[in-house]
Amino acid sequence: MLAQPERFLVLCVDRDDDLGVKTKIQTPVVGREAALAAATKLSLADPEEADANAIFAAVKKYDELVAKGTACEVAIVCGDVSRGFEADRRISKEIETVVKDSDVKGVILVSDGGEDDQVIPIIQSFKPIVSVQRVTVKHSQRVEETYQVLGRYLRMLVFDPHYSRWILGVPGLIFILGGILIVSGHVADAEIATLLVLGGAFFVRGFSIDRTVAGLLQRGPTGYMRLFSMVTSVLVVIAGLFSGYASMVDAQNSARPPLDAQQSAGAFINGSIPLVWAGIAVYAIGALLSHLARESIRWRRDGFVLVMLALLYLPVNTFSQFLMQGTAESTFLLISYILLGLAAIFALTTAIYPRVRTKGLPERE
């Protein structure tokens, strides 16, 4: 008695039921002609659908096996749009229907490679999988969507003012300044200008200075007051640093013997402290007036900062004298001012600042 030839099932699984949703075809679909008709109808409904290519690949695999004399059948089963439990349960029922009264020895799975891990255990619960063929579609919708997303981001970087000012504006300014300086023969200055523009852009964006300024301008007059005090404070502090450097250079040129590093630092601090302190005070006064105009309780904190700034002036100034001279008198004054400043700060901290912090808060029982 002749042995029956082994029979295999070429199976294509559409887990998210694109076939049913887009063509209304009921599954399971069994047989070459039915599978070919389903693939054609799905391709007409959505030419970019990858599952249609997988069905065509399953029919092609069926034809190849039949041509080699292998007994087989081709079928399509579908899941559910949810892709979860309902999809797996439907796939399981449809596979059971296909293999229930057949003598299939194994399954050849043809898949587009999307969700093989979820489908394979379901199939193996009925019949062993003897082969898996993954279909790689040259024209992939996911790849096309990726390019579309990249294109949208590129357009946003070019046309959205929030991003284009940094992506295009800063490099454009660098190119313009660099071109002008190079044409005029100042190549070294072009490098310096590039560093300054890049450094300024990184500094502004890194510390969110642009957003801070925009937020201040939205507050009206109080915002303008704060912005004016901030810009003025920065300019005065920069002027103070230059003044300190000039004072240090003058002291080095006039000193005999030359000043050492400690004395140079003292000359720099001594020459810069008036303007630096004034710049910080301008910022604190601007904040104080702004909070007073807005009737904010934070004006008390600004007043506390001004008092602290005044108390620290003499110790810092005396410290610079100590660095320059190192005499017993300067040492005595430095220690005295430090002790007086500590006493004043302690008195303010223990007597005034707690009241400022708790002002306006509900009293505890």
Protein backbone atom coordinates (compact mmCIF):
# COMPACT_ATOMS: atom_id res chain seq x y z
CA MET A 1 0.00 0.00 0.00
CA LEU A 2 1.43 3.37 -1.05
CA ALA A 3 2.05 5.97 1.67
CA GLN A 4 0.10 9.18 1.44
CA PRO A 5 2.30 12.17 0.44
CA GLU A 6 2.82 14.84 3.06
CA ARG A 7 0.55 17.83 2.65
CA PHE A 8 1.47 21.37 3.74
CA LEU A 9 -0.45 24.58 4.30
CA VAL A 10 0.91 27.87 2.95
CA LEU A 11 -0.57 30.33 5.42
CA CYS A 12 -0.70 34.13 5.28
CA VAL A 13 -1.81 35.89 8.47
CA ASP A 14 -3.24 39.43 8.53
CA ARG A 15 -3.34 40.13 12.25
CA ASP A 16 -4.93 43.61 12.06
CA ASP A 17 -7.57 42.50 9.48
CA ASP A 18 -6.68 44.99 6.74
CA LEU A 19 -8.19 42.55 4.25
CA GLY A 20 -11.57 42.51 5.97
CA VAL A 21 -11.65 46.23 6.75
CA LYS A 22 -10.68 47.41 3.25
CA THR A 23 -12.37 44.76 1.08
CA LYS A 24 -15.13 43.30 3.31
CA ILE A 25 -13.92 39.78 2.38
CA GLN A 26 -14.84 37.12 4.93
CA THR A 27 -12.00 34.94 6.17
CA PRO A 28 -10.62 32.34 6.24
CA VAL A 29 -9.87 32.39 2.52
CA VAL A 30 -8.82 28.96 1.22
CA GLY A 31 -7.56 28.07 -2.24
CA ARG A 32 -5.32 29.65 -4.84
CA GLU A 33 -8.00 31.40 -6.87
CA ALA A 34 -9.74 32.81 -3.78
CA ALA A 35 -6.43 34.03 -2.31
CA LEU A 36 -5.40 35.61 -5.63
CA ALA A 37 -8.75 37.37 -5.91
CA ALA A 38 -8.46 38.65 -2.33
CA ALA A 39 -4.93 39.99 -2.93
CA THR A 40 -6.04 41.72 -6.14
CA LYS A 41 -9.05 43.33 -4.45
CA LEU A 42 -6.91 44.52 -1.53
CA SER A 43 -4.33 45.99 -3.91
CA LEU A 44 -7.05 47.91 -5.72
CA ALA A 45 -8.48 49.15 -2.42
CA ASP A 46 -5.06 50.27 -1.14
CA PRO A 47 -2.10 50.01 -3.54
CA GLU A 48 0.32 50.72 -0.68
CA GLU A 49 -0.92 47.89 1.56
CA ALA A 50 1.90 45.53 2.56
CA ASP A 51 -0.49 42.67 3.38
CA ALA A 52 -1.48 42.46 -0.31
CA ASN A 53 2.15 41.79 -1.21
CA ALA A 54 2.32 39.12 1.49
CA ILE A 55 -0.76 37.36 0.01
CA PHE A 56 0.76 37.46 -3.47
CA ALA A 57 3.96 36.01 -2.01
CA ALA A 58 1.93 33.20 -0.40
CA VAL A 59 0.31 32.38 -3.78
CA LYS A 60 3.73 32.41 -5.43
CA LYS A 61 5.10 30.08 -2.76
CA TYR A 62 2.13 27.77 -3.34
CA ASP A 63 2.81 27.70 -7.10
CA GLU A 64 6.50 26.92 -6.53
CA LEU A 65 5.70 23.99 -4.22
CA VAL A 66 3.06 22.60 -6.55
CA ALA A 67 5.51 22.84 -9.46
CA LYS A 68 7.98 20.75 -7.48
CA GLY A 69 5.30 18.11 -6.80
CA THR A 70 4.61 19.02 -3.17
CA ALA A 71 1.03 18.62 -2.06
CA CYS A 72 -0.12 21.82 -0.40
CA GLU A 73 -2.89 24.33 0.05
CA VAL A 74 -2.88 28.10 0.49
CA ALA A 75 -5.05 30.03 2.97
CA ILE A 76 -5.47 33.48 4.50
CA VAL A 77 -6.60 34.12 8.05
CA CYS A 78 -7.25 37.47 9.70
CA GLY A 79 -7.36 38.87 13.20
CA ASP A 80 -8.90 42.06 14.48
CA VAL A 81 -8.19 45.78 14.18
CA SER A 82 -7.41 45.94 17.91
CA ARG A 83 -4.47 43.51 17.42
CA GLY A 84 -4.91 42.33 20.98
CA PHE A 85 -6.76 39.41 22.53
CA GLU A 86 -9.64 39.59 20.05
CA ALA A 87 -7.24 39.41 17.10
CA ASP A 88 -5.41 36.37 18.48
CA ARG A 89 -8.65 34.60 19.39
CA ARG A 90 -10.06 35.10 15.88
CA ILE A 91 -6.82 33.90 14.28
CA SER A 92 -6.92 30.81 16.45
CA LYS A 93 -10.54 30.01 15.44
CA GLU A 94 -9.84 30.52 11.74
CA ILE A 95 -6.70 28.34 11.77
CA GLU A 96 -8.70 25.65 13.55
CA THR A 97 -11.33 25.88 10.81
CA VAL A 98 -8.72 25.53 8.05
CA VAL A 99 -6.85 22.55 9.51
CA LYS A 100 -9.75 20.82 11.28
CA ASP A 101 -10.66 18.23 8.62
CA SER A 102 -7.40 18.31 6.65
CA ASP A 103 -4.39 16.08 6.73
CA VAL A 104 -1.88 18.95 6.84
CA LYS A 105 1.45 17.91 8.35
CA GLY A 106 2.97 21.36 8.71
CA VAL A 107 2.56 25.07 8.01
CA ILE A 108 4.63 27.35 5.81
CA LEU A 109 4.13 30.84 7.20
CA VAL A 110 4.38 33.75 4.76
CA SER A 111 4.54 37.07 6.57
CA ASP A 112 5.54 40.68 6.06
CA GLY A 113 7.58 40.38 9.28
CA GLY A 114 5.51 42.78 11.35
CA GLU A 115 4.17 40.61 14.17
CA ASP A 116 5.60 37.10 13.73
CA ASP A 117 6.31 36.68 17.43
CA GLN A 118 2.62 37.00 18.31
CA VAL A 119 1.35 34.72 15.50
CA ILE A 120 3.83 31.83 15.58
CA PRO A 121 2.77 30.38 18.98
CA ILE A 122 -0.89 30.36 17.87
CA ILE A 123 -0.09 28.43 14.69
CA GLN A 124 2.16 25.98 16.52
CA SER A 125 -0.67 25.12 18.88
CA PHE A 126 -2.38 23.44 15.89
CA LYS A 127 0.36 22.39 13.47
CA PRO A 128 4.14 22.64 13.45
CA ILE A 129 5.73 25.42 11.41
CA VAL A 130 8.20 23.93 8.95
CA SER A 131 9.21 27.17 7.23
CA VAL A 132 8.85 30.94 7.58
CA GLN A 133 9.14 33.28 4.62
CA ARG A 134 9.29 37.00 5.34
CA VAL A 135 8.31 39.41 2.59
CA THR A 136 10.29 42.65 2.43
CA VAL A 137 8.37 45.23 0.45
CA LYS A 138 10.57 47.62 -1.51
CA HIS A 139 7.98 50.38 -1.27
CA SER A 140 7.13 50.58 2.42
CA GLN A 141 4.49 52.91 3.81
CA ARG A 142 6.44 53.26 7.05
CA VAL A 143 9.54 54.40 5.17
CA GLU A 144 7.48 56.90 3.21
CA GLU A 145 5.91 58.22 6.40
CA THR A 146 9.38 58.61 7.87
CA TYR A 147 10.44 60.76 4.94
CA GLN A 148 7.26 62.79 5.25
CA VAL A 149 7.91 63.42 8.94
CA LEU A 150 11.50 64.44 8.20
CA GLY A 151 10.24 66.77 5.49
CA ARG A 152 7.78 68.40 7.90
CA TYR A 153 10.54 68.93 10.47
CA LEU A 154 12.84 70.42 7.84
CA ARG A 155 10.10 72.81 6.72
CA MET A 156 9.47 73.73 10.35
CA LEU A 157 13.17 74.49 10.87
CA VAL A 158 13.17 76.69 7.77
CA PHE A 159 9.83 78.50 8.01
CA ASP A 160 8.98 78.53 11.75
CA PRO A 161 10.46 81.77 13.19
CA HIS A 162 10.96 80.15 16.59
CA TYR A 163 13.47 77.69 15.13
CA SER A 164 14.69 79.41 11.94
CA ARG A 165 16.24 82.29 13.88
CA TRP A 166 18.68 79.82 15.47
CA ILE A 167 19.06 77.24 12.69
CA LEU A 168 19.38 79.74 9.84
CA GLY A 169 19.70 83.18 11.43
CA VAL A 170 22.83 82.57 13.50
CA PRO A 171 24.78 80.75 10.74
CA GLY A 172 23.62 83.42 8.26
CA LEU A 173 24.96 86.19 10.49
CA ILE A 174 28.26 84.32 10.86
CA PHE A 175 28.57 83.91 7.08
CA ILE A 176 27.79 87.58 6.45
CA LEU A 177 30.27 88.90 9.03
CA GLY A 178 32.90 86.36 8.02
CA GLY A 179 32.50 87.22 4.33
CA ILE A 180 32.74 90.96 4.94
CA LEU A 181 35.83 90.61 7.13
CA ILE A 182 37.55 88.16 4.77
CA VAL A 183 36.90 90.38 1.73
CA SER A 184 38.31 93.35 3.63
CA GLY A 185 41.42 91.35 4.50
CA HIS A 186 40.72 90.74 8.21
CA VAL A 187 40.84 86.95 8.29
CA ALA A 188 41.78 86.77 11.98
CA ASP A 189 38.92 89.09 12.85
CA ALA A 190 36.54 86.78 10.96
CA GLU A 191 37.51 83.92 13.28
CA ILE A 192 37.01 86.13 16.32
CA ALA A 193 33.62 87.30 15.03
CA THR A 194 32.56 83.68 14.46
CA LEU A 195 33.48 82.76 18.03
CA LEU A 196 31.69 85.80 19.44
CA VAL A 197 28.47 85.17 17.48
CA LEU A 198 28.40 81.46 18.30
CA GLY A 199 29.27 82.09 21.93
CA GLY A 200 26.60 84.76 22.22
CA ALA A 201 23.97 82.52 20.61
CA PHE A 202 24.85 79.58 22.87
CA PHE A 203 24.84 81.84 25.93
CA VAL A 204 21.48 83.42 25.11
CA ARG A 205 19.80 80.09 24.32
CA GLY A 206 21.52 78.16 27.11
CA PHE A 207 20.34 80.55 29.83
CA SER A 208 16.97 81.20 28.11
CA ILE A 209 17.73 84.90 27.96
CA ASP A 210 15.52 85.32 24.89
CA ARG A 211 12.54 83.81 26.71
CA THR A 212 13.25 85.89 29.80
CA VAL A 213 13.28 89.09 27.74
CA ALA A 214 10.09 88.08 25.92
CA GLY A 215 8.41 87.35 29.25
CA LEU A 216 9.45 90.73 30.64
CA LEU A 217 8.13 92.59 27.61
CA GLN A 218 4.74 90.96 28.09
CA ARG A 219 4.41 92.44 31.58
CA GLY A 220 4.09 96.02 30.36
CA PRO A 221 5.78 98.95 32.16
CA THR A 222 7.11 96.84 35.04
CA GLY A 223 8.68 94.46 32.53
CA TYR A 224 10.36 97.34 30.70
CA MET A 225 11.68 98.57 34.03
CA ARG A 226 13.16 95.17 34.84
CA LEU A 227 14.66 94.83 31.36
CA PHE A 228 16.24 98.29 31.57
CA SER A 229 17.72 97.54 34.98
CA MET A 230 19.06 94.17 33.79
CA VAL A 231 20.76 95.59 30.68
CA THR A 232 22.13 98.56 32.63
CA SER A 233 23.39 96.26 35.37
CA VAL A 234 25.25 94.06 32.89
CA LEU A 235 26.84 97.07 31.19
CA VAL A 236 27.92 98.64 34.51
CA VAL A 237 29.39 95.31 35.73
CA ILE A 238 31.32 94.89 32.46
CA ALA A 239 32.58 98.46 32.80
CA GLY A 240 33.61 97.65 36.37
CA LEU A 241 35.62 94.62 35.22
CA PHE A 242 37.42 96.72 32.61
CA SER A 243 38.02 99.38 35.23
CA GLY A 244 39.53 96.78 37.54
CA TYR A 245 41.78 95.51 34.77
CA ALA A 246 42.92 99.06 33.95
CA SER A 247 43.59 99.71 37.63
CA MET A 248 45.66 96.53 37.85
CA VAL A 249 47.70 97.45 34.76
CA ASP A 250 48.36 100.96 36.10
CA ALA A 251 49.44 99.57 39.45
CA GLN A 252 51.79 97.08 37.77
CA ASN A 253 53.34 99.77 35.57
CA SER A 254 53.92 102.18 38.43
CA ALA A 255 55.04 99.72 41.10
CA ARG A 256 58.70 99.18 41.92
CA PRO A 257 59.34 96.30 42.37
CA PRO A 258 56.61 94.74 40.15
CA LEU A 259 53.46 93.51 41.86
CA ASP A 260 53.09 89.82 42.59
CA ALA A 261 49.92 87.81 41.83
CA GLN A 262 48.34 88.62 45.21
CA GLN A 263 48.89 92.35 44.87
CA SER A 264 47.64 92.32 41.26
CA ALA A 265 44.43 90.58 42.39
CA GLY A 266 44.01 93.21 45.11
CA ALA A 267 44.45 96.03 42.58
CA PHE A 268 41.89 94.42 40.27
CA ILE A 269 39.30 94.03 43.04
CA ASN A 270 39.93 97.53 44.33
CA GLY A 271 39.48 99.08 40.91
CA SER A 272 36.40 97.07 39.93
CA ILE A 273 34.38 96.90 43.13
CA PRO A 274 32.68 100.35 42.93
CA LEU A 275 31.17 99.76 39.49
CA VAL A 276 30.50 96.06 40.03
CA TRP A 277 28.64 96.83 43.25
CA ALA A 278 26.79 99.65 41.51
CA GLY A 279 25.72 97.31 38.70
CA ILE A 280 24.38 94.72 41.14
CA ALA A 281 22.60 97.49 43.05
CA VAL A 282 20.99 98.77 39.82
CA TYR A 283 19.56 95.31 39.17
CA ALA A 284 18.27 94.98 42.75
CA ILE A 285 16.73 98.48 42.65
CA GLY A 286 15.01 97.68 39.34
CA ALA A 287 13.58 94.49 40.83
CA LEU A 288 12.51 96.39 43.95
CA LEU A 289 10.67 99.09 41.98
CA SER A 290 9.07 96.49 39.70
CA HIS A 291 7.76 94.45 42.63
CA LEU A 292 6.51 97.60 44.36
CA ALA A 293 4.63 98.64 41.23
CA ARG A 294 3.07 95.15 40.99
CA GLU A 295 2.35 95.17 44.75
CA SER A 296 4.31 91.96 45.13
CA ILE A 297 5.64 90.86 48.49
CA ARG A 298 8.98 90.08 46.86
CA TRP A 299 10.04 93.75 47.19
CA ARG A 300 11.07 92.94 50.77
CA ARG A 301 13.54 90.35 49.48
CA ASP A 302 15.00 92.93 47.09
CA GLY A 303 15.40 95.38 49.95
CA PHE A 304 17.15 92.68 51.95
CA VAL A 305 19.54 92.14 49.01
CA LEU A 306 20.39 95.85 48.92
CA VAL A 307 21.13 95.88 52.64
CA MET A 308 23.35 92.82 52.29
CA LEU A 309 25.14 94.45 49.36
CA ALA A 310 25.85 97.56 51.44
CA LEU A 311 27.14 95.49 54.36
CA LEU A 312 29.50 93.53 52.13
CA TYR A 313 31.06 96.55 50.41
CA LEU A 314 33.46 97.54 53.19
CA PRO A 315 34.73 93.99 53.91
CA VAL A 316 35.40 93.33 50.21
CA ASN A 317 37.06 96.72 49.71
CA THR A 318 39.20 96.20 52.82
CA PHE A 319 40.10 92.71 51.57
CA SER A 320 41.47 94.26 48.38
CA GLN A 321 43.58 96.65 50.46
CA PHE A 322 44.83 93.72 52.49
CA LEU A 323 45.89 91.90 49.31
CA MET A 324 47.73 94.98 48.06
CA GLN A 325 49.43 96.07 51.30
CA GLY A 326 49.20 93.25 53.79
CA THR A 327 49.73 95.66 56.70
CA ALA A 328 48.59 95.17 60.27
CA GLU A 329 46.17 98.09 59.93
CA SER A 330 44.45 96.60 56.88
CA THR A 331 44.31 93.24 58.62
CA PHE A 332 42.68 94.78 61.69
CA LEU A 333 40.14 96.69 59.56
CA LEU A 334 39.32 93.57 57.57
CA ILE A 335 38.65 91.52 60.69
CA SER A 336 36.62 94.36 62.21
CA TYR A 337 34.44 94.82 59.14
CA ILE A 338 33.92 91.08 58.84
CA LEU A 339 32.79 90.84 62.46
CA LEU A 340 30.52 93.88 62.12
CA GLY A 341 29.06 92.52 58.89
CA LEU A 342 28.44 89.11 60.45
CA ALA A 343 26.72 90.74 63.42
CA ALA A 344 24.51 92.85 61.16
CA ILE A 345 23.67 89.91 58.93
CA PHE A 346 22.85 87.76 61.96
CA ALA A 347 20.57 90.47 63.31
CA LEU A 348 18.78 90.85 59.97
CA THR A 349 18.47 87.12 59.49
CA THR A 350 17.04 86.43 62.93
CA ALA A 351 14.84 89.51 63.28
CA ILE A 352 13.69 90.69 59.87
CA TYR A 353 14.00 87.96 57.27
CA PRO A 354 11.70 85.41 59.00
CA ARG A 355 8.97 88.07 59.08
CA VAL A 356 9.49 88.77 55.40
CA ARG A 357 9.12 85.11 54.49
CA THR A 358 6.03 84.52 56.63
CA LYS A 359 4.34 87.83 55.74
CA GLY A 360 1.06 87.20 54.08
CA LEU A 361 0.93 83.52 55.02
CA PRO A 362 -1.97 82.25 57.16
CA GLU A 363 -1.16 81.98 60.81
CA ARG A 364 -0.91 78.51 62.22
CA GLU A 365 -3.01 77.56 65.18
